[in-house]
Amino acid sequence: MRILVLGAGKMGTFFVDVLNQHHEVALFDTDESRLRFVYNTIRMTKPEEIADFKPELVLNAVTLKYTIQAFDTVLPYLTPDCILSDIASVKTGLKAYYEKSGHRFVSTHPMFGPTFASLSDLSKESAVVISESDHLGKVFFKDLYLSLKLNIFEYSFDEHDLTTAYSLSIPFASTLVFASVMRHQDAPGTTFKRHMAIARGLLSEDDFLLTEILFNPNTPHQIEKIRNELGNLLQLIEAKDTEGMQQFLKKVRKNIE
């Protein structure tokens, strides 16, 4: 299959490396310097070059903020039977866009990033395939994700964004709040160091990615839960309520069983 990947970022180049073993792959990015270390792949910097390649599938891996803009850039150079695909972590607006595009589509979300995941062993990681996607597109990505030993889940567009708000927004917000009050520690404890490692990893991600995940329409409800529990915990601490703290810890342990 001829596959065009949009965006030479971390995930774009990851998919290029995975796909070019069995497919003819081209990578498009307007910044030529980002294409320097890409091998076994056709490199493109001008959208006009796409027409000659005639991709059968376009995998959009650009920064979330520019996902739709990237599709708009290449759409005039695609054949009518080309399948559009994305790996966006927030799907807001994409369903409507795909329906207007006139193209078949498949939307997925690899629930991991190069910062934290071990790309040589993804057996403990997950990927979501959107249920409204084209059947053949779903088959292609399920086969691809199974070859990477990922655990696959199928959700609708709405179900995906609800899941993302819970599984990403809560840890992102908690980590950002932790990091926002940090200062240098001469003798950091083990727990502190682990939290700091998570915070540094998170903050190495693209700012637009972090922003868009937190701007997920379903995020405020999840953040409100954090605020309420922090308020409850603060009351227990201020009152030195030992019995209440024991009940709180019991509830927390039950949640993570």
C-alpha atoms as a PDB file:
ATOM      1  CA  MET A   1       0.000   0.000   0.000  1.00  0.00           C
ATOM      2  CA  ARG A   2       1.141   3.556  -0.684  1.00  0.00           C
ATOM      3  CA  ILE A   3       0.896   5.484   2.589  1.00  0.00           C
ATOM      4  CA  LEU A   4       1.486   9.183   3.125  1.00  0.00           C
ATOM      5  CA  VAL A   5       2.352  10.271   6.673  1.00  0.00           C
ATOM      6  CA  LEU A   6       1.769  13.932   7.531  1.00  0.00           C
ATOM      7  CA  GLY A   7       4.152  15.421  10.111  1.00  0.00           C
ATOM      8  CA  ALA A   8       7.730  14.413  10.953  1.00  0.00           C
ATOM      9  CA  GLY A   9       7.299  14.632  14.713  1.00  0.00           C
ATOM     10  CA  LYS A  10       7.804  11.862  17.264  1.00  0.00           C
ATOM     11  CA  MET A  11       4.718   9.859  16.355  1.00  0.00           C
ATOM     12  CA  GLY A  12       4.956  10.583  12.637  1.00  0.00           C
ATOM     13  CA  THR A  13       8.483   9.210  12.391  1.00  0.00           C
ATOM     14  CA  PHE A  14       7.530   6.286  14.636  1.00  0.00           C
ATOM     15  CA  PHE A  15       4.777   5.259  12.219  1.00  0.00           C
ATOM     16  CA  VAL A  16       7.097   5.749   9.249  1.00  0.00           C
ATOM     17  CA  ASP A  17       9.593   3.323  10.804  1.00  0.00           C
ATOM     18  CA  VAL A  18       6.832   0.788  11.470  1.00  0.00           C
ATOM     19  CA  LEU A  19       5.082   1.085   8.109  1.00  0.00           C
ATOM     20  CA  ASN A  20       7.996   1.269   5.691  1.00  0.00           C
ATOM     21  CA  GLN A  21       8.907  -2.346   6.403  1.00  0.00           C
ATOM     22  CA  HIS A  22       5.880  -3.578   4.427  1.00  0.00           C
ATOM     23  CA  HIS A  23       4.544  -0.552   2.539  1.00  0.00           C
ATOM     24  CA  GLU A  24       5.677   2.226   0.228  1.00  0.00           C
ATOM     25  CA  VAL A  25       5.759   5.233   2.543  1.00  0.00           C
ATOM     26  CA  ALA A  26       6.138   8.963   1.968  1.00  0.00           C
ATOM     27  CA  LEU A  27       6.576  11.555   4.717  1.00  0.00           C
ATOM     28  CA  PHE A  28       5.342  15.121   4.215  1.00  0.00           C
ATOM     29  CA  ASP A  29       6.510  18.043   6.345  1.00  0.00           C
ATOM     30  CA  THR A  30       6.932  21.672   5.304  1.00  0.00           C
ATOM     31  CA  ASP A  31      10.065  21.921   7.489  1.00  0.00           C
ATOM     32  CA  GLU A  32      12.788  20.208   5.443  1.00  0.00           C
ATOM     33  CA  SER A  33      15.161  20.003   8.429  1.00  0.00           C
ATOM     34  CA  ARG A  34      12.776  17.562  10.164  1.00  0.00           C
ATOM     35  CA  LEU A  35      13.201  15.076   7.318  1.00  0.00           C
ATOM     36  CA  ARG A  36      16.991  14.788   7.496  1.00  0.00           C
ATOM     37  CA  PHE A  37      17.197  11.517   9.420  1.00  0.00           C
ATOM     38  CA  VAL A  38      14.316   9.662   7.779  1.00  0.00           C
ATOM     39  CA  TYR A  39      15.317   6.568   5.798  1.00  0.00           C
ATOM     40  CA  ASN A  40      13.631   4.136   3.389  1.00  0.00           C
ATOM     41  CA  THR A  41      10.960   6.773   2.868  1.00  0.00           C
ATOM     42  CA  ILE A  42      10.052   9.290   0.178  1.00  0.00           C
ATOM     43  CA  ARG A  43      10.478  12.792   1.622  1.00  0.00           C
ATOM     44  CA  MET A  44       8.148  15.609   0.579  1.00  0.00           C
ATOM     45  CA  THR A  45       8.002  19.289   1.503  1.00  0.00           C
ATOM     46  CA  LYS A  46       5.577  20.588  -1.145  1.00  0.00           C
ATOM     47  CA  PRO A  47       1.961  19.393  -1.342  1.00  0.00           C
ATOM     48  CA  GLU A  48       2.152  19.280  -5.147  1.00  0.00           C
ATOM     49  CA  GLU A  49       4.486  16.274  -4.838  1.00  0.00           C
ATOM     50  CA  ILE A  50       1.675  14.238  -3.284  1.00  0.00           C
ATOM     51  CA  ALA A  51      -0.316  13.983  -6.526  1.00  0.00           C
ATOM     52  CA  ASP A  52       2.400  11.927  -8.243  1.00  0.00           C
ATOM     53  CA  PHE A  53       2.698   9.572  -5.254  1.00  0.00           C
ATOM     54  CA  LYS A  54      -1.062   8.812  -5.333  1.00  0.00           C
ATOM     55  CA  PRO A  55      -1.374   7.637  -1.706  1.00  0.00           C
ATOM     56  CA  GLU A  56      -4.005   5.048  -0.887  1.00  0.00           C
ATOM     57  CA  LEU A  57      -3.968   6.041   2.790  1.00  0.00           C
ATOM     58  CA  VAL A  58      -3.053   9.324   4.489  1.00  0.00           C
ATOM     59  CA  LEU A  59      -1.990   9.094   8.134  1.00  0.00           C
ATOM     60  CA  ASN A  60      -2.235  12.516   9.773  1.00  0.00           C
ATOM     61  CA  ALA A  61       0.285  12.724  12.634  1.00  0.00           C
ATOM     62  CA  VAL A  62       0.751  16.483  12.886  1.00  0.00           C
ATOM     63  CA  THR A  63       0.343  18.474  16.096  1.00  0.00           C
ATOM     64  CA  LEU A  64      -3.266  18.257  17.257  1.00  0.00           C
ATOM     65  CA  LYS A  65      -3.897  21.972  16.727  1.00  0.00           C
ATOM     66  CA  TYR A  66      -3.143  21.623  13.013  1.00  0.00           C
ATOM     67  CA  THR A  67      -4.775  18.261  12.233  1.00  0.00           C
ATOM     68  CA  ILE A  68      -7.644  19.650  10.148  1.00  0.00           C
ATOM     69  CA  GLN A  69      -5.408  22.297   8.555  1.00  0.00           C
ATOM     70  CA  ALA A  70      -3.022  19.552   7.417  1.00  0.00           C
ATOM     71  CA  PHE A  71      -5.883  17.610   5.846  1.00  0.00           C
ATOM     72  CA  ASP A  72      -7.038  20.763   4.040  1.00  0.00           C
ATOM     73  CA  THR A  73      -3.517  21.251   2.651  1.00  0.00           C
ATOM     74  CA  VAL A  74      -3.261  17.805   1.052  1.00  0.00           C
ATOM     75  CA  LEU A  75      -6.899  17.098   0.165  1.00  0.00           C
ATOM     76  CA  PRO A  76      -6.727  18.707  -3.316  1.00  0.00           C
ATOM     77  CA  TYR A  77      -3.897  16.317  -4.270  1.00  0.00           C
ATOM     78  CA  LEU A  78      -5.587  13.075  -3.223  1.00  0.00           C
ATOM     79  CA  THR A  79      -7.549  10.651  -5.364  1.00  0.00           C
ATOM     80  CA  PRO A  80     -11.226  10.150  -4.419  1.00  0.00           C
ATOM     81  CA  ASP A  81     -10.601   6.615  -3.147  1.00  0.00           C
ATOM     82  CA  CYS A  82      -7.794   7.626  -0.742  1.00  0.00           C
ATOM     83  CA  ILE A  83      -8.593   6.827   2.894  1.00  0.00           C
ATOM     84  CA  LEU A  84      -8.008   9.590   5.454  1.00  0.00           C
ATOM     85  CA  SER A  85      -6.775   8.659   8.923  1.00  0.00           C
ATOM     86  CA  ASP A  86      -5.677  10.388  12.096  1.00  0.00           C
ATOM     87  CA  ILE A  87      -4.163   9.486  15.455  1.00  0.00           C
ATOM     88  CA  ALA A  88      -5.457  12.563  17.315  1.00  0.00           C
ATOM     89  CA  SER A  89      -5.792  12.311  21.082  1.00  0.00           C
ATOM     90  CA  VAL A  90      -8.936  14.471  21.040  1.00  0.00           C
ATOM     91  CA  LYS A  91     -11.492  13.798  18.303  1.00  0.00           C
ATOM     92  CA  THR A  92     -13.653  16.913  18.671  1.00  0.00           C
ATOM     93  CA  GLY A  93     -14.691  18.158  15.233  1.00  0.00           C
ATOM     94  CA  LEU A  94     -13.135  15.298  13.270  1.00  0.00           C
ATOM     95  CA  LYS A  95     -16.328  13.315  12.725  1.00  0.00           C
ATOM     96  CA  ALA A  96     -18.019  16.282  11.061  1.00  0.00           C
ATOM     97  CA  TYR A  97     -14.901  17.005   9.011  1.00  0.00           C
ATOM     98  CA  TYR A  98     -14.677  13.456   7.702  1.00  0.00           C
ATOM     99  CA  GLU A  99     -18.354  13.409   6.762  1.00  0.00           C
ATOM    100  CA  LYS A 100     -17.901  16.590   4.693  1.00  0.00           C
ATOM    101  CA  SER A 101     -14.644  15.433   3.081  1.00  0.00           C
ATOM    102  CA  GLY A 102     -16.267  12.795   0.881  1.00  0.00           C
ATOM    103  CA  HIS A 103     -13.426  10.375   1.675  1.00  0.00           C
ATOM    104  CA  ARG A 104     -13.514   7.117   3.580  1.00  0.00           C
ATOM    105  CA  PHE A 105     -11.782   7.498   6.920  1.00  0.00           C
ATOM    106  CA  VAL A 106     -10.359   5.631   9.878  1.00  0.00           C
ATOM    107  CA  SER A 107      -9.643   7.321  13.175  1.00  0.00           C
ATOM    108  CA  THR A 108      -7.461   5.732  15.860  1.00  0.00           C
ATOM    109  CA  HIS A 109      -5.529   6.785  18.944  1.00  0.00           C
ATOM    110  CA  PRO A 110      -2.359   5.025  20.102  1.00  0.00           C
ATOM    111  CA  MET A 111      -2.653   5.531  23.851  1.00  0.00           C
ATOM    112  CA  PHE A 112       1.077   5.940  24.362  1.00  0.00           C
ATOM    113  CA  GLY A 113       3.829   8.385  23.519  1.00  0.00           C
ATOM    114  CA  PRO A 114       7.561   8.065  22.856  1.00  0.00           C
ATOM    115  CA  THR A 115       8.322   9.876  26.134  1.00  0.00           C
ATOM    116  CA  PHE A 116       7.066   7.190  28.522  1.00  0.00           C
ATOM    117  CA  ALA A 117       6.435   4.070  26.459  1.00  0.00           C
ATOM    118  CA  SER A 118       9.113   1.553  25.595  1.00  0.00           C
ATOM    119  CA  LEU A 119       8.695   1.448  21.830  1.00  0.00           C
ATOM    120  CA  SER A 120      10.540  -1.885  21.695  1.00  0.00           C
ATOM    121  CA  ASP A 121       7.853  -3.503  23.877  1.00  0.00           C
ATOM    122  CA  LEU A 122       4.316  -2.117  23.609  1.00  0.00           C
ATOM    123  CA  SER A 123       2.561  -5.193  25.003  1.00  0.00           C
ATOM    124  CA  LYS A 124       1.318  -3.249  28.040  1.00  0.00           C
ATOM    125  CA  GLU A 125       0.119  -0.275  25.980  1.00  0.00           C
ATOM    126  CA  SER A 126      -3.253   0.284  24.307  1.00  0.00           C
ATOM    127  CA  ALA A 127      -4.763   1.731  21.150  1.00  0.00           C
ATOM    128  CA  VAL A 128      -8.300   2.867  20.394  1.00  0.00           C
ATOM    129  CA  VAL A 129      -9.996   2.370  17.028  1.00  0.00           C
ATOM    130  CA  ILE A 130     -13.060   4.542  16.381  1.00  0.00           C
ATOM    131  CA  SER A 131     -16.119   2.407  15.627  1.00  0.00           C
ATOM    132  CA  GLU A 132     -17.594   4.758  12.988  1.00  0.00           C
ATOM    133  CA  SER A 133     -14.500   4.284  10.794  1.00  0.00           C
ATOM    134  CA  ASP A 134     -14.429   2.558   7.402  1.00  0.00           C
ATOM    135  CA  HIS A 135     -14.362  -1.229   7.755  1.00  0.00           C
ATOM    136  CA  LEU A 136     -11.234  -1.825   5.667  1.00  0.00           C
ATOM    137  CA  GLY A 137      -9.477   1.037   7.445  1.00  0.00           C
ATOM    138  CA  LYS A 138     -10.270  -0.530  10.805  1.00  0.00           C
ATOM    139  CA  VAL A 139      -8.954  -3.896   9.623  1.00  0.00           C
ATOM    140  CA  PHE A 140      -5.700  -2.278   8.478  1.00  0.00           C
ATOM    141  CA  PHE A 141      -5.024  -0.506  11.766  1.00  0.00           C
ATOM    142  CA  LYS A 142      -6.125  -3.415  13.933  1.00  0.00           C
ATOM    143  CA  ASP A 143      -3.678  -5.648  12.080  1.00  0.00           C
ATOM    144  CA  LEU A 144      -0.971  -3.001  12.483  1.00  0.00           C
ATOM    145  CA  TYR A 145      -1.600  -2.551  16.208  1.00  0.00           C
ATOM    146  CA  LEU A 146      -1.777  -6.293  16.780  1.00  0.00           C
ATOM    147  CA  SER A 147       1.623  -6.628  15.098  1.00  0.00           C
ATOM    148  CA  LEU A 148       2.908  -4.149  17.714  1.00  0.00           C
ATOM    149  CA  LYS A 149       1.277  -6.279  20.453  1.00  0.00           C
ATOM    150  CA  LEU A 150      -0.958  -3.396  21.526  1.00  0.00           C
ATOM    151  CA  ASN A 151      -4.207  -3.984  23.396  1.00  0.00           C
ATOM    152  CA  ILE A 152      -7.005  -2.749  21.104  1.00  0.00           C
ATOM    153  CA  PHE A 153     -10.278  -1.138  22.156  1.00  0.00           C
ATOM    154  CA  GLU A 154     -13.093   0.094  19.916  1.00  0.00           C
ATOM    155  CA  TYR A 155     -15.008   3.228  20.932  1.00  0.00           C
ATOM    156  CA  SER A 156     -17.222   5.750  19.191  1.00  0.00           C
ATOM    157  CA  PHE A 157     -15.937   9.308  18.703  1.00  0.00           C
ATOM    158  CA  ASP A 158     -17.863  10.475  21.793  1.00  0.00           C
ATOM    159  CA  GLU A 159     -16.846   7.495  23.914  1.00  0.00           C
ATOM    160  CA  HIS A 160     -13.204   8.086  22.976  1.00  0.00           C
ATOM    161  CA  ASP A 161     -13.194  11.693  24.150  1.00  0.00           C
ATOM    162  CA  LEU A 162     -14.885  10.726  27.420  1.00  0.00           C
ATOM    163  CA  THR A 163     -12.244   8.048  27.975  1.00  0.00           C
ATOM    164  CA  THR A 164      -9.431  10.445  27.100  1.00  0.00           C
ATOM    165  CA  ALA A 165     -10.721  13.027  29.557  1.00  0.00           C
ATOM    166  CA  TYR A 166     -10.559  10.412  32.295  1.00  0.00           C
ATOM    167  CA  SER A 167      -7.356   8.575  31.396  1.00  0.00           C
ATOM    168  CA  LEU A 168      -5.251  11.553  30.248  1.00  0.00           C
ATOM    169  CA  SER A 169      -6.711  14.756  31.665  1.00  0.00           C
ATOM    170  CA  ILE A 170      -6.673  13.576  35.293  1.00  0.00           C
ATOM    171  CA  PRO A 171      -2.994  12.481  35.361  1.00  0.00           C
ATOM    172  CA  PHE A 172      -1.967  15.474  33.234  1.00  0.00           C
ATOM    173  CA  ALA A 173      -3.719  17.959  35.517  1.00  0.00           C
ATOM    174  CA  SER A 174      -2.472  16.267  38.698  1.00  0.00           C
ATOM    175  CA  THR A 175       1.116  16.264  37.423  1.00  0.00           C
ATOM    176  CA  LEU A 176       0.941  19.899  36.345  1.00  0.00           C
ATOM    177  CA  VAL A 177      -0.389  20.961  39.734  1.00  0.00           C
ATOM    178  CA  PHE A 178       2.385  18.996  41.447  1.00  0.00           C
ATOM    179  CA  ALA A 179       5.067  20.568  39.245  1.00  0.00           C
ATOM    180  CA  SER A 180       3.644  24.075  39.634  1.00  0.00           C
ATOM    181  CA  VAL A 181       4.465  24.150  43.370  1.00  0.00           C
ATOM    182  CA  MET A 182       7.836  22.385  43.183  1.00  0.00           C
ATOM    183  CA  ARG A 183      11.190  23.823  44.211  1.00  0.00           C
ATOM    184  CA  HIS A 184      14.683  22.357  44.333  1.00  0.00           C
ATOM    185  CA  GLN A 185      15.173  19.622  46.923  1.00  0.00           C
ATOM    186  CA  ASP A 186      18.697  18.963  48.242  1.00  0.00           C
ATOM    187  CA  ALA A 187      17.683  15.550  49.570  1.00  0.00           C
ATOM    188  CA  PRO A 188      14.735  14.344  47.469  1.00  0.00           C
ATOM    189  CA  GLY A 189      12.955  11.183  48.522  1.00  0.00           C
ATOM    190  CA  THR A 190      12.181   8.289  46.195  1.00  0.00           C
ATOM    191  CA  THR A 191       8.521   9.255  45.733  1.00  0.00           C
ATOM    192  CA  PHE A 192       9.479  12.869  45.007  1.00  0.00           C
ATOM    193  CA  LYS A 193      12.012  11.774  42.381  1.00  0.00           C
ATOM    194  CA  ARG A 194       9.488   9.522  40.675  1.00  0.00           C
ATOM    195  CA  HIS A 195       6.933  12.316  40.534  1.00  0.00           C
ATOM    196  CA  MET A 196       9.558  14.677  39.154  1.00  0.00           C
ATOM    197  CA  ALA A 197      10.510  12.174  36.446  1.00  0.00           C
ATOM    198  CA  ILE A 198       6.867  11.954  35.381  1.00  0.00           C
ATOM    199  CA  ALA A 199       6.550  15.745  35.419  1.00  0.00           C
ATOM    200  CA  ARG A 200       9.681  16.243  33.302  1.00  0.00           C
ATOM    201  CA  GLY A 201       8.485  13.626  30.829  1.00  0.00           C
ATOM    202  CA  LEU A 202       5.056  15.216  30.559  1.00  0.00           C
ATOM    203  CA  LEU A 203       6.483  18.702  30.075  1.00  0.00           C
ATOM    204  CA  SER A 204       8.737  17.461  27.291  1.00  0.00           C
ATOM    205  CA  GLU A 205       5.604  16.867  25.227  1.00  0.00           C
ATOM    206  CA  ASP A 206       4.335  19.405  22.722  1.00  0.00           C
ATOM    207  CA  ASP A 207       2.547  22.346  24.367  1.00  0.00           C
ATOM    208  CA  PHE A 208      -0.297  22.175  21.867  1.00  0.00           C
ATOM    209  CA  LEU A 209      -0.841  18.489  22.659  1.00  0.00           C
ATOM    210  CA  LEU A 210      -1.042  19.166  26.395  1.00  0.00           C
ATOM    211  CA  THR A 211      -3.335  22.133  25.835  1.00  0.00           C
ATOM    212  CA  GLU A 212      -5.743  20.334  23.523  1.00  0.00           C
ATOM    213  CA  ILE A 213      -6.026  17.325  25.818  1.00  0.00           C
ATOM    214  CA  LEU A 214      -6.813  19.602  28.747  1.00  0.00           C
ATOM    215  CA  PHE A 215      -9.238  21.584  26.567  1.00  0.00           C
ATOM    216  CA  ASN A 216     -11.197  18.396  25.820  1.00  0.00           C
ATOM    217  CA  PRO A 217     -14.846  19.399  26.492  1.00  0.00           C
ATOM    218  CA  ASN A 218     -15.094  16.515  28.975  1.00  0.00           C
ATOM    219  CA  THR A 219     -12.072  17.624  31.041  1.00  0.00           C
ATOM    220  CA  PRO A 220     -13.671  20.236  33.378  1.00  0.00           C
ATOM    221  CA  HIS A 221     -15.859  17.589  35.032  1.00  0.00           C
ATOM    222  CA  GLN A 222     -12.791  15.459  35.767  1.00  0.00           C
ATOM    223  CA  ILE A 223     -10.815  18.441  37.103  1.00  0.00           C
ATOM    224  CA  GLU A 224     -13.730  19.293  39.374  1.00  0.00           C
ATOM    225  CA  LYS A 225     -13.385  15.839  40.958  1.00  0.00           C
ATOM    226  CA  ILE A 226      -9.714  16.537  41.704  1.00  0.00           C
ATOM    227  CA  ARG A 227     -10.590  19.894  43.255  1.00  0.00           C
ATOM    228  CA  ASN A 228     -13.277  18.322  45.450  1.00  0.00           C
ATOM    229  CA  GLU A 229     -10.981  15.556  46.688  1.00  0.00           C
ATOM    230  CA  LEU A 230      -8.188  18.054  47.412  1.00  0.00           C
ATOM    231  CA  GLY A 231     -10.688  20.046  49.463  1.00  0.00           C
ATOM    232  CA  ASN A 232     -11.696  16.931  51.400  1.00  0.00           C
ATOM    233  CA  LEU A 233      -8.056  15.989  52.006  1.00  0.00           C
ATOM    234  CA  LEU A 234      -7.194  19.512  53.175  1.00  0.00           C
ATOM    235  CA  GLN A 235     -10.026  19.437  55.694  1.00  0.00           C
ATOM    236  CA  LEU A 236      -8.812  16.123  57.099  1.00  0.00           C
ATOM    237  CA  ILE A 237      -5.261  17.440  57.422  1.00  0.00           C
ATOM    238  CA  GLU A 238      -6.266  20.737  59.039  1.00  0.00           C
ATOM    239  CA  ALA A 239      -8.535  18.943  61.512  1.00  0.00           C
ATOM    240  CA  LYS A 240      -5.939  16.222  62.159  1.00  0.00           C
ATOM    241  CA  ASP A 241      -8.841  13.804  61.714  1.00  0.00           C
ATOM    242  CA  THR A 242      -7.124  10.429  62.086  1.00  0.00           C
ATOM    243  CA  GLU A 243     -10.273   8.362  61.683  1.00  0.00           C
ATOM    244  CA  GLY A 244     -11.343  10.357  58.640  1.00  0.00           C
ATOM    245  CA  MET A 245      -7.875   9.976  57.111  1.00  0.00           C
ATOM    246  CA  GLN A 246      -8.007   6.212  57.587  1.00  0.00           C
ATOM    247  CA  GLN A 247     -11.334   6.107  55.763  1.00  0.00           C
ATOM    248  CA  PHE A 248      -9.933   8.297  52.985  1.00  0.00           C
ATOM    249  CA  LEU A 249      -6.891   6.043  52.532  1.00  0.00           C
ATOM    250  CA  LYS A 250      -9.128   2.973  52.552  1.00  0.00           C
ATOM    251  CA  LYS A 251     -11.223   4.474  49.748  1.00  0.00           C
ATOM    252  CA  VAL A 252      -8.132   5.369  47.709  1.00  0.00           C
ATOM    253  CA  ARG A 253      -6.654   1.892  48.051  1.00  0.00           C
ATOM    254  CA  LYS A 254      -9.952   0.379  46.909  1.00  0.00           C
ATOM    255  CA  ASN A 255      -9.953   2.657  43.841  1.00  0.00           C
ATOM    256  CA  ILE A 256      -6.565   1.387  42.648  1.00  0.00           C
ATOM    257  CA  GLU A 257      -7.072  -2.311  43.370  1.00  0.00           C
END
